[in-house]
Amino acid sequence: MNVGVLALQGDFREHLAALAECGVNATPVKTAEEIKSIDALVIPGGESTTISKLAKSFDLFDLIKSRIASGLPTYGSCAGMIMVAKSIKDPASGQETFGGINIEVERNAFGRQVDSFEEDLEFKGLTGPKFRAVFIRAPWVAKSGEGVEVLSEIDGHAVAVRQGKVLATSFHPELTSDNRIHRYFIEEMCNK
């Protein structure tokens, strides 16, 4: 299995390291040929408006959107959650998403950079202790539609969801040494 990590902007290196520790072949992708050759995709945290603009500038936006719609296993963390959402509440001017999960997300829902925090979360499908989640200018799910499974939440707000072969978290598991969410993605979305 070849898992591509979208390397246009954001913390793609950390996802590459986490995936390598899980024993899969992980490669950075930023060209159409690279994106066409992968078996799964990870969209990292970063700045969702920048990721969207760069994907359009490099003529990758429609390809990625099409591959996700065609069933490409995809995982988006933080900004990646925004990019796999069906819609954005109060999007930046001209901001679009790739889609993949029937959710509306709210950007920076937990506040600004200074409001970043860590929280121990229950995560449906993970065994062992609670998952220590890192939230940095994180979104949350404002609305979820039919077919969406909520995997984790804080104060009634979904912060991890899945639908079909697409997984999204509003936090950054790649910034921890705990690779259980990456393993969950590989085992539950990529290998089934």
C-alpha atoms as a PDB file:
ATOM      1  CA  MET A   1       0.000   0.000   0.000  1.00  0.00           C
ATOM      2  CA  ASN A   2       1.259   3.448  -0.938  1.00  0.00           C
ATOM      3  CA  VAL A   3      -0.134   6.218   1.280  1.00  0.00           C
ATOM      4  CA  GLY A   4       0.383   9.724  -0.047  1.00  0.00           C
ATOM      5  CA  VAL A   5       0.595  12.714   2.264  1.00  0.00           C
ATOM      6  CA  LEU A   6      -0.411  15.942   0.549  1.00  0.00           C
ATOM      7  CA  ALA A   7       2.758  18.036   0.731  1.00  0.00           C
ATOM      8  CA  LEU A   8       1.559  21.436  -0.456  1.00  0.00           C
ATOM      9  CA  GLN A   9       1.639  23.089   2.980  1.00  0.00           C
ATOM     10  CA  GLY A  10       1.377  22.142   6.640  1.00  0.00           C
ATOM     11  CA  ASP A  11       2.825  19.427   8.855  1.00  0.00           C
ATOM     12  CA  PHE A  12       3.094  16.668   6.253  1.00  0.00           C
ATOM     13  CA  ARG A  13       6.519  15.511   7.528  1.00  0.00           C
ATOM     14  CA  GLU A  14       5.021  14.502  10.887  1.00  0.00           C
ATOM     15  CA  HIS A  15       2.339  12.417   9.141  1.00  0.00           C
ATOM     16  CA  LEU A  16       4.994  10.740   6.989  1.00  0.00           C
ATOM     17  CA  ALA A  17       6.929   9.763  10.137  1.00  0.00           C
ATOM     18  CA  ALA A  18       3.808   8.449  11.917  1.00  0.00           C
ATOM     19  CA  LEU A  19       2.770   6.380   8.908  1.00  0.00           C
ATOM     20  CA  ALA A  20       6.297   4.973   8.499  1.00  0.00           C
ATOM     21  CA  GLU A  21       6.195   3.885  12.153  1.00  0.00           C
ATOM     22  CA  CYS A  22       2.956   2.049  11.317  1.00  0.00           C
ATOM     23  CA  GLY A  23       4.813   0.058   8.673  1.00  0.00           C
ATOM     24  CA  VAL A  24       3.270   1.479   5.494  1.00  0.00           C
ATOM     25  CA  ASN A  25       4.987   3.069   2.534  1.00  0.00           C
ATOM     26  CA  ALA A  26       4.273   6.786   2.931  1.00  0.00           C
ATOM     27  CA  THR A  27       5.352   9.371   0.393  1.00  0.00           C
ATOM     28  CA  PRO A  28       4.844  13.112   0.012  1.00  0.00           C
ATOM     29  CA  VAL A  29       2.613  13.955  -2.968  1.00  0.00           C
ATOM     30  CA  LYS A  30       2.268  17.259  -4.789  1.00  0.00           C
ATOM     31  CA  THR A  31       1.915  16.444  -8.474  1.00  0.00           C
ATOM     32  CA  ALA A  32      -0.948  14.938 -10.462  1.00  0.00           C
ATOM     33  CA  GLU A  33       1.129  11.869 -11.346  1.00  0.00           C
ATOM     34  CA  GLU A  34       1.960  11.249  -7.682  1.00  0.00           C
ATOM     35  CA  ILE A  35      -1.677  11.671  -6.634  1.00  0.00           C
ATOM     36  CA  LYS A  36      -2.842   9.293  -9.369  1.00  0.00           C
ATOM     37  CA  SER A  37      -0.423   6.601  -8.112  1.00  0.00           C
ATOM     38  CA  ILE A  38      -1.445   6.434  -4.430  1.00  0.00           C
ATOM     39  CA  ASP A  39      -3.744   3.958  -2.665  1.00  0.00           C
ATOM     40  CA  ALA A  40      -4.727   6.333   0.176  1.00  0.00           C
ATOM     41  CA  LEU A  41      -4.299  10.023   1.021  1.00  0.00           C
ATOM     42  CA  VAL A  42      -3.578  12.001   4.182  1.00  0.00           C
ATOM     43  CA  ILE A  43      -4.337  15.739   4.189  1.00  0.00           C
ATOM     44  CA  PRO A  44      -2.321  17.354   6.988  1.00  0.00           C
ATOM     45  CA  GLY A  45      -2.965  20.211   9.324  1.00  0.00           C
ATOM     46  CA  GLY A  46      -1.858  23.651   8.223  1.00  0.00           C
ATOM     47  CA  GLU A  47      -3.936  26.462   6.751  1.00  0.00           C
ATOM     48  CA  SER A  48      -7.021  25.251   4.890  1.00  0.00           C
ATOM     49  CA  THR A  49      -7.354  28.364   2.709  1.00  0.00           C
ATOM     50  CA  THR A  50      -3.716  28.015   1.629  1.00  0.00           C
ATOM     51  CA  ILE A  51      -4.090  24.283   0.918  1.00  0.00           C
ATOM     52  CA  SER A  52      -7.174  25.028  -1.189  1.00  0.00           C
ATOM     53  CA  LYS A  53      -5.460  27.826  -3.138  1.00  0.00           C
ATOM     54  CA  LEU A  54      -2.290  25.799  -3.748  1.00  0.00           C
ATOM     55  CA  ALA A  55      -4.279  22.748  -4.891  1.00  0.00           C
ATOM     56  CA  LYS A  56      -6.003  24.982  -7.444  1.00  0.00           C
ATOM     57  CA  SER A  57      -2.750  26.713  -8.479  1.00  0.00           C
ATOM     58  CA  PHE A  58      -1.063  23.362  -9.125  1.00  0.00           C
ATOM     59  CA  ASP A  59      -4.171  22.060 -10.936  1.00  0.00           C
ATOM     60  CA  LEU A  60      -4.697  19.316  -8.327  1.00  0.00           C
ATOM     61  CA  PHE A  61      -7.977  20.400  -6.740  1.00  0.00           C
ATOM     62  CA  ASP A  62     -10.371  18.611  -9.103  1.00  0.00           C
ATOM     63  CA  LEU A  63      -8.185  15.495  -9.232  1.00  0.00           C
ATOM     64  CA  ILE A  64      -8.108  15.169  -5.442  1.00  0.00           C
ATOM     65  CA  LYS A  65     -11.836  15.872  -5.181  1.00  0.00           C
ATOM     66  CA  SER A  66     -12.546  13.239  -7.838  1.00  0.00           C
ATOM     67  CA  ARG A  67     -10.301  10.610  -6.250  1.00  0.00           C
ATOM     68  CA  ILE A  68     -11.953  11.091  -2.839  1.00  0.00           C
ATOM     69  CA  ALA A  69     -15.429  10.905  -4.416  1.00  0.00           C
ATOM     70  CA  SER A  70     -14.362   7.676  -6.171  1.00  0.00           C
ATOM     71  CA  GLY A  71     -13.527   5.986  -2.854  1.00  0.00           C
ATOM     72  CA  LEU A  72      -9.873   6.832  -2.190  1.00  0.00           C
ATOM     73  CA  PRO A  73      -9.287   6.191   1.540  1.00  0.00           C
ATOM     74  CA  THR A  74      -8.559   9.653   2.938  1.00  0.00           C
ATOM     75  CA  TYR A  75      -7.663  11.047   6.359  1.00  0.00           C
ATOM     76  CA  GLY A  76      -7.701  14.767   7.146  1.00  0.00           C
ATOM     77  CA  SER A  77      -6.355  16.246  10.386  1.00  0.00           C
ATOM     78  CA  CYS A  78      -7.243  19.803  11.502  1.00  0.00           C
ATOM     79  CA  ALA A  79      -7.064  21.792   8.232  1.00  0.00           C
ATOM     80  CA  GLY A  80      -7.460  18.405   6.553  1.00  0.00           C
ATOM     81  CA  MET A  81     -10.806  18.004   8.354  1.00  0.00           C
ATOM     82  CA  ILE A  82     -11.913  21.271   6.795  1.00  0.00           C
ATOM     83  CA  MET A  83     -10.751  20.098   3.361  1.00  0.00           C
ATOM     84  CA  VAL A  84     -12.752  16.805   3.510  1.00  0.00           C
ATOM     85  CA  ALA A  85     -15.922  18.477   4.832  1.00  0.00           C
ATOM     86  CA  LYS A  86     -18.937  18.936   2.565  1.00  0.00           C
ATOM     87  CA  SER A  87     -19.138  22.582   3.611  1.00  0.00           C
ATOM     88  CA  ILE A  88     -17.611  25.289   5.809  1.00  0.00           C
ATOM     89  CA  LYS A  89     -19.542  27.569   8.108  1.00  0.00           C
ATOM     90  CA  ASP A  90     -18.424  31.119   7.242  1.00  0.00           C
ATOM     91  CA  PRO A  91     -15.692  30.138   4.744  1.00  0.00           C
ATOM     92  CA  ALA A  92     -12.949  32.500   3.673  1.00  0.00           C
ATOM     93  CA  SER A  93     -13.732  34.264   0.401  1.00  0.00           C
ATOM     94  CA  GLY A  94     -13.626  31.720  -2.433  1.00  0.00           C
ATOM     95  CA  GLN A  95     -12.645  28.831  -0.142  1.00  0.00           C
ATOM     96  CA  GLU A  96     -13.731  25.392  -1.341  1.00  0.00           C
ATOM     97  CA  THR A  97     -13.340  21.867  -0.005  1.00  0.00           C
ATOM     98  CA  PHE A  98     -12.575  18.501  -1.585  1.00  0.00           C
ATOM     99  CA  GLY A  99     -15.554  16.966   0.214  1.00  0.00           C
ATOM    100  CA  GLY A 100     -15.861  13.370   1.331  1.00  0.00           C
ATOM    101  CA  ILE A 101     -17.726  13.609   4.646  1.00  0.00           C
ATOM    102  CA  ASN A 102     -21.265  14.939   5.020  1.00  0.00           C
ATOM    103  CA  ILE A 103     -20.346  17.565   7.639  1.00  0.00           C
ATOM    104  CA  GLU A 104     -20.247  21.319   7.985  1.00  0.00           C
ATOM    105  CA  VAL A 105     -17.171  22.491   9.894  1.00  0.00           C
ATOM    106  CA  GLU A 106     -16.484  25.681  11.760  1.00  0.00           C
ATOM    107  CA  ARG A 107     -12.929  26.956  11.314  1.00  0.00           C
ATOM    108  CA  ASN A 108     -10.950  28.020  14.414  1.00  0.00           C
ATOM    109  CA  ALA A 109     -13.922  26.930  16.539  1.00  0.00           C
ATOM    110  CA  PHE A 110     -11.860  26.582  19.714  1.00  0.00           C
ATOM    111  CA  GLY A 111     -10.279  30.016  19.309  1.00  0.00           C
ATOM    112  CA  ARG A 112      -7.027  31.513  18.149  1.00  0.00           C
ATOM    113  CA  GLN A 113      -3.461  30.205  18.357  1.00  0.00           C
ATOM    114  CA  VAL A 114      -3.160  31.311  22.001  1.00  0.00           C
ATOM    115  CA  ASP A 115      -6.190  29.136  22.827  1.00  0.00           C
ATOM    116  CA  SER A 116      -4.432  25.928  21.710  1.00  0.00           C
ATOM    117  CA  PHE A 117      -4.722  23.057  24.187  1.00  0.00           C
ATOM    118  CA  GLU A 118      -4.362  19.322  24.780  1.00  0.00           C
ATOM    119  CA  GLU A 119      -7.149  17.032  25.943  1.00  0.00           C
ATOM    120  CA  ASP A 120      -7.463  13.318  26.768  1.00  0.00           C
ATOM    121  CA  LEU A 121     -10.254  11.917  24.577  1.00  0.00           C
ATOM    122  CA  GLU A 122     -12.294   8.784  24.286  1.00  0.00           C
ATOM    123  CA  PHE A 123     -12.078   7.670  20.645  1.00  0.00           C
ATOM    124  CA  LYS A 124     -14.520   5.037  19.411  1.00  0.00           C
ATOM    125  CA  GLY A 125     -12.591   2.107  17.950  1.00  0.00           C
ATOM    126  CA  LEU A 126      -9.335   2.657  19.869  1.00  0.00           C
ATOM    127  CA  THR A 127      -8.314   0.376  22.701  1.00  0.00           C
ATOM    128  CA  GLY A 128      -6.090   1.354  25.588  1.00  0.00           C
ATOM    129  CA  PRO A 129      -5.899   4.666  27.405  1.00  0.00           C
ATOM    130  CA  LYS A 130      -7.614   7.851  26.285  1.00  0.00           C
ATOM    131  CA  PHE A 131      -5.974   9.567  23.308  1.00  0.00           C
ATOM    132  CA  ARG A 132      -3.991  12.728  24.129  1.00  0.00           C
ATOM    133  CA  ALA A 133      -5.190  15.150  21.439  1.00  0.00           C
ATOM    134  CA  VAL A 134      -3.415  18.382  20.426  1.00  0.00           C
ATOM    135  CA  PHE A 135      -5.750  21.178  19.285  1.00  0.00           C
ATOM    136  CA  ILE A 136      -4.210  24.164  17.442  1.00  0.00           C
ATOM    137  CA  ARG A 137      -6.675  26.699  15.993  1.00  0.00           C
ATOM    138  CA  ALA A 138      -8.862  23.655  15.537  1.00  0.00           C
ATOM    139  CA  PRO A 139     -12.191  23.325  13.774  1.00  0.00           C
ATOM    140  CA  TRP A 140     -15.135  21.328  15.058  1.00  0.00           C
ATOM    141  CA  VAL A 141     -18.113  19.777  13.357  1.00  0.00           C
ATOM    142  CA  ALA A 142     -20.949  22.325  13.393  1.00  0.00           C
ATOM    143  CA  LYS A 143     -23.410  19.921  11.719  1.00  0.00           C
ATOM    144  CA  SER A 144     -23.239  16.320  10.604  1.00  0.00           C
ATOM    145  CA  GLY A 145     -25.509  14.667   8.110  1.00  0.00           C
ATOM    146  CA  GLU A 146     -26.659  11.196   7.223  1.00  0.00           C
ATOM    147  CA  GLY A 147     -24.021   8.473   7.199  1.00  0.00           C
ATOM    148  CA  VAL A 148     -21.542  10.268   9.479  1.00  0.00           C
ATOM    149  CA  GLU A 149     -20.230   8.372  12.496  1.00  0.00           C
ATOM    150  CA  VAL A 150     -18.949  10.484  15.389  1.00  0.00           C
ATOM    151  CA  LEU A 151     -15.825   8.908  16.903  1.00  0.00           C
ATOM    152  CA  SER A 152     -14.945  11.534  19.516  1.00  0.00           C
ATOM    153  CA  GLU A 153     -16.345  14.771  20.903  1.00  0.00           C
ATOM    154  CA  ILE A 154     -15.683  17.568  23.363  1.00  0.00           C
ATOM    155  CA  ASP A 155     -18.572  19.322  25.107  1.00  0.00           C
ATOM    156  CA  GLY A 156     -21.047  18.046  22.538  1.00  0.00           C
ATOM    157  CA  HIS A 157     -18.953  19.051  19.524  1.00  0.00           C
ATOM    158  CA  ALA A 158     -17.698  16.282  17.249  1.00  0.00           C
ATOM    159  CA  VAL A 159     -13.895  16.410  16.839  1.00  0.00           C
ATOM    160  CA  ALA A 160     -13.414  13.061  15.066  1.00  0.00           C
ATOM    161  CA  VAL A 161     -15.731  11.616  12.433  1.00  0.00           C
ATOM    162  CA  ARG A 162     -15.792   9.082   9.652  1.00  0.00           C
ATOM    163  CA  GLN A 163     -17.950   8.295   6.668  1.00  0.00           C
ATOM    164  CA  GLY A 164     -17.178   5.402   4.394  1.00  0.00           C
ATOM    165  CA  LYS A 165     -13.446   5.459   3.684  1.00  0.00           C
ATOM    166  CA  VAL A 166     -12.891   9.022   4.902  1.00  0.00           C
ATOM    167  CA  LEU A 167     -11.690   9.900   8.416  1.00  0.00           C
ATOM    168  CA  ALA A 168     -11.279  13.372   9.903  1.00  0.00           C
ATOM    169  CA  THR A 169     -10.001  14.726  13.210  1.00  0.00           C
ATOM    170  CA  SER A 170      -9.946  18.346  14.301  1.00  0.00           C
ATOM    171  CA  PHE A 171      -6.784  17.646  16.290  1.00  0.00           C
ATOM    172  CA  HIS A 172      -3.220  16.645  15.379  1.00  0.00           C
ATOM    173  CA  PRO A 173      -2.357  13.021  16.263  1.00  0.00           C
ATOM    174  CA  GLU A 174       0.809  13.358  14.171  1.00  0.00           C
ATOM    175  CA  LEU A 175       2.217  15.717  16.826  1.00  0.00           C
ATOM    176  CA  THR A 176       2.211  12.957  19.451  1.00  0.00           C
ATOM    177  CA  SER A 177       4.089   9.681  19.741  1.00  0.00           C
ATOM    178  CA  ASP A 178       0.764   7.788  19.819  1.00  0.00           C
ATOM    179  CA  ASN A 179       0.098   6.324  16.359  1.00  0.00           C
ATOM    180  CA  ARG A 180      -3.209   4.625  17.166  1.00  0.00           C
ATOM    181  CA  ILE A 181      -5.283   6.965  14.960  1.00  0.00           C
ATOM    182  CA  HIS A 182      -2.967   6.450  11.983  1.00  0.00           C
ATOM    183  CA  ARG A 183      -3.226   2.687  12.577  1.00  0.00           C
ATOM    184  CA  TYR A 184      -7.012   3.012  12.814  1.00  0.00           C
ATOM    185  CA  PHE A 185      -7.035   4.769   9.431  1.00  0.00           C
ATOM    186  CA  ILE A 186      -4.869   2.073   7.842  1.00  0.00           C
ATOM    187  CA  GLU A 187      -6.805  -0.846   9.340  1.00  0.00           C
ATOM    188  CA  GLU A 188     -10.363   0.514   9.120  1.00  0.00           C
ATOM    189  CA  MET A 189     -10.331   2.578   5.921  1.00  0.00           C
ATOM    190  CA  CYS A 190      -7.460   1.261   3.818  1.00  0.00           C
ATOM    191  CA  ASN A 191      -7.511  -2.480   4.488  1.00  0.00           C
ATOM    192  CA  LYS A 192     -11.263  -3.134   4.249  1.00  0.00           C
END
